[in-house]
Amino acid sequence: MIRPATLADAAAIAALWNPWIRDTAITFASVEKTAADIVSLIETRPCFFVAETTGLLGFATYGQFRGGDGYATCMEHTVILSPDARGQGAGRALLQAVEAHARAGGAHQMIAGVSGENPDARAFHAAQGYHEVAILREAGFKFGRFMNLVLMQKFLS
């Protein structure tokens, strides 16, 4: 089930996100999220959805790609899944919910910023209609090395 996140979900969302931050290169972030960080995101993002069955499977949110009114219709999303939820359709359902919300709000396009070390995410986004438009070489730094950032784009209107 996909539903809007509530403030009561904040600790569970942080617990799901932090192993990806701490242990992988799928995100260039290196500082783990607190429940307070998640509360702030839920309160300030246009939408914040969770997927759940008997527990939290994942979440998705989006915000404006870059600051300034010239970018008001260009959004960037985040989708994070529990390792156990991969391949079950939760990621696709979350992404579709975020895209629908953005489209209804007048967004023209959605950007996915994918770690060059995450071929599964690149394949996932390609299967959802995203196209690679740029590779920013050595844009991220984590675990003592530089990593590429792949930008993928999908037009919503």
Protein backbone atom coordinates (compact mmCIF):
# COMPACT_ATOMS: atom_id res chain seq x y z
CA MET A 1 0.00 0.00 0.00
CA ILE A 2 1.25 3.48 -0.91
CA ARG A 3 0.23 6.28 1.45
CA PRO A 4 1.45 9.71 2.54
CA ALA A 5 4.12 9.55 5.22
CA THR A 6 3.22 10.82 8.66
CA LEU A 7 5.49 12.25 11.32
CA ALA A 8 5.08 8.96 13.17
CA ASP A 9 6.94 7.24 10.28
CA ALA A 10 10.09 9.34 10.74
CA ALA A 11 12.09 6.91 12.89
CA ALA A 12 11.26 3.94 10.64
CA ILE A 13 12.20 5.92 7.53
CA ALA A 14 15.53 6.92 9.07
CA ALA A 15 16.18 3.29 10.08
CA LEU A 16 15.50 2.16 6.51
CA TRP A 17 17.63 4.90 4.90
CA ASN A 18 20.66 4.88 7.19
CA PRO A 19 22.17 1.51 6.16
CA TRP A 20 22.19 2.75 2.55
CA ILE A 21 23.94 5.93 3.68
CA ARG A 22 26.40 4.17 5.99
CA ASP A 23 27.24 1.07 3.96
CA THR A 24 26.76 1.75 0.24
CA ALA A 25 27.63 4.09 -2.60
CA ILE A 26 24.04 4.36 -3.86
CA THR A 27 23.92 7.72 -2.14
CA PHE A 28 26.83 10.12 -1.77
CA ALA A 29 25.51 11.26 1.61
CA SER A 30 27.72 10.17 4.48
CA VAL A 31 25.82 11.57 7.47
CA GLU A 32 23.01 9.36 8.72
CA LYS A 33 19.51 10.80 9.00
CA THR A 34 17.82 11.37 12.33
CA ALA A 35 14.09 11.15 12.93
CA ALA A 36 14.13 14.97 13.21
CA ASP A 37 15.75 15.20 9.74
CA ILE A 38 12.95 13.05 8.32
CA VAL A 39 10.27 15.11 10.07
CA SER A 40 11.72 18.20 8.39
CA LEU A 41 11.60 16.52 4.98
CA ILE A 42 8.02 15.35 5.47
CA GLU A 43 7.01 18.86 6.48
CA THR A 44 8.82 20.70 3.66
CA ARG A 45 8.65 18.45 0.60
CA PRO A 46 5.70 18.66 -1.83
CA CYS A 47 4.93 15.04 -0.96
CA PHE A 48 6.50 12.16 0.91
CA PHE A 49 5.08 8.68 0.33
CA VAL A 50 5.74 5.34 2.01
CA ALA A 51 5.07 1.80 0.84
CA GLU A 52 4.08 -0.68 3.49
CA THR A 53 2.57 -4.09 4.02
CA THR A 54 3.28 -5.48 7.48
CA GLY A 55 6.19 -3.05 7.74
CA LEU A 56 7.85 -0.23 5.87
CA LEU A 57 9.03 -1.32 2.40
CA GLY A 58 10.34 2.02 1.21
CA PHE A 59 9.69 5.69 0.62
CA ALA A 60 9.76 8.28 -2.12
CA THR A 61 9.77 12.04 -2.21
CA TYR A 62 10.72 14.85 -4.53
CA GLY A 63 11.64 18.50 -4.61
CA GLN A 64 12.70 21.14 -7.07
CA PHE A 65 15.82 20.12 -9.01
CA ARG A 66 17.60 23.45 -8.48
CA GLY A 67 16.65 26.63 -6.66
CA GLY A 68 15.08 29.59 -8.37
CA ASP A 69 11.83 30.15 -10.19
CA GLY A 70 13.33 29.24 -13.56
CA TYR A 71 13.46 25.61 -12.36
CA ALA A 72 9.93 25.59 -10.89
CA THR A 73 8.74 22.78 -13.18
CA CYS A 74 11.87 20.60 -12.99
CA MET A 75 11.82 18.13 -10.08
CA GLU A 76 14.21 15.53 -8.67
CA HIS A 77 13.08 12.48 -6.74
CA THR A 78 14.45 10.10 -4.14
CA VAL A 79 13.28 6.48 -3.91
CA ILE A 80 14.71 4.20 -1.22
CA LEU A 81 13.62 0.60 -0.65
CA SER A 82 14.27 -1.99 1.98
CA PRO A 83 16.56 -4.68 0.54
CA ASP A 84 13.71 -7.19 1.05
CA ALA A 85 11.33 -5.08 -1.06
CA ARG A 86 13.42 -5.06 -4.22
CA GLY A 87 11.79 -6.65 -7.25
CA GLN A 88 8.27 -6.66 -5.76
CA GLY A 89 6.87 -3.52 -7.44
CA ALA A 90 7.08 -1.18 -4.44
CA GLY A 91 9.71 1.04 -6.09
CA ARG A 92 7.68 1.33 -9.27
CA ALA A 93 4.51 2.15 -7.29
CA LEU A 94 6.33 4.78 -5.21
CA LEU A 95 7.88 6.39 -8.29
CA GLN A 96 4.52 6.47 -10.06
CA ALA A 97 2.91 8.12 -7.02
CA VAL A 98 5.61 10.80 -6.91
CA GLU A 99 5.39 11.41 -10.65
CA ALA A 100 1.59 11.69 -10.53
CA HIS A 101 1.78 14.16 -7.66
CA ALA A 102 4.41 16.25 -9.45
CA ARG A 103 2.47 16.16 -12.72
CA ALA A 104 -0.72 17.29 -10.95
CA GLY A 105 1.27 20.18 -9.48
CA GLY A 106 2.43 21.34 -12.90
CA ALA A 107 5.87 19.71 -13.09
CA HIS A 108 7.19 19.29 -16.61
CA GLN A 109 9.94 16.78 -15.89
CA MET A 110 11.51 14.58 -13.24
CA ILE A 111 15.23 14.02 -12.78
CA ALA A 112 16.88 10.98 -11.23
CA GLY A 113 20.39 11.50 -9.91
CA VAL A 114 21.87 7.99 -9.78
CA SER A 115 25.25 6.92 -8.48
CA GLY A 116 27.43 5.57 -11.27
CA GLU A 117 28.05 2.62 -8.93
CA ASN A 118 24.35 1.69 -8.91
CA PRO A 119 23.60 -0.12 -12.18
CA ASP A 120 20.37 -1.57 -10.73
CA ALA A 121 18.95 1.94 -10.24
CA ARG A 122 19.96 2.91 -13.76
CA ALA A 123 18.15 -0.14 -15.14
CA PHE A 124 15.12 0.52 -12.91
CA HIS A 125 14.81 4.10 -14.11
CA ALA A 126 15.30 3.11 -17.75
CA ALA A 127 12.46 0.60 -17.38
CA GLN A 128 10.27 3.44 -16.04
CA GLY A 129 10.91 5.65 -19.07
CA TYR A 130 13.92 7.66 -17.88
CA HIS A 131 16.75 8.42 -20.28
CA GLU A 132 20.38 9.10 -19.39
CA VAL A 133 21.17 12.69 -20.28
CA ALA A 134 24.49 13.31 -18.52
CA ILE A 135 27.29 11.72 -16.60
CA LEU A 136 28.97 14.09 -14.18
CA ARG A 137 32.37 12.50 -13.76
CA GLU A 138 33.69 12.32 -10.21
CA ALA A 139 30.82 14.48 -8.89
CA GLY A 140 30.54 12.53 -5.64
CA PHE A 141 33.11 11.52 -3.07
CA LYS A 142 32.61 8.74 -0.53
CA PHE A 143 34.63 5.89 0.91
CA GLY A 144 37.85 7.62 -0.13
CA ARG A 145 37.07 7.71 -3.85
CA PHE A 146 35.34 9.85 -6.46
CA MET A 147 32.19 8.51 -8.09
CA ASN A 148 30.20 9.50 -11.16
CA LEU A 149 26.68 10.89 -10.97
CA VAL A 150 24.33 9.83 -13.76
CA LEU A 151 21.46 12.19 -14.51
CA MET A 152 18.36 10.59 -15.98
CA GLN A 153 15.32 12.51 -17.19
CA LYS A 154 11.65 11.80 -17.83
CA PHE A 155 9.16 14.30 -19.22
CA LEU A 156 5.88 14.30 -17.31
CA SER A 157 3.90 16.61 -19.62
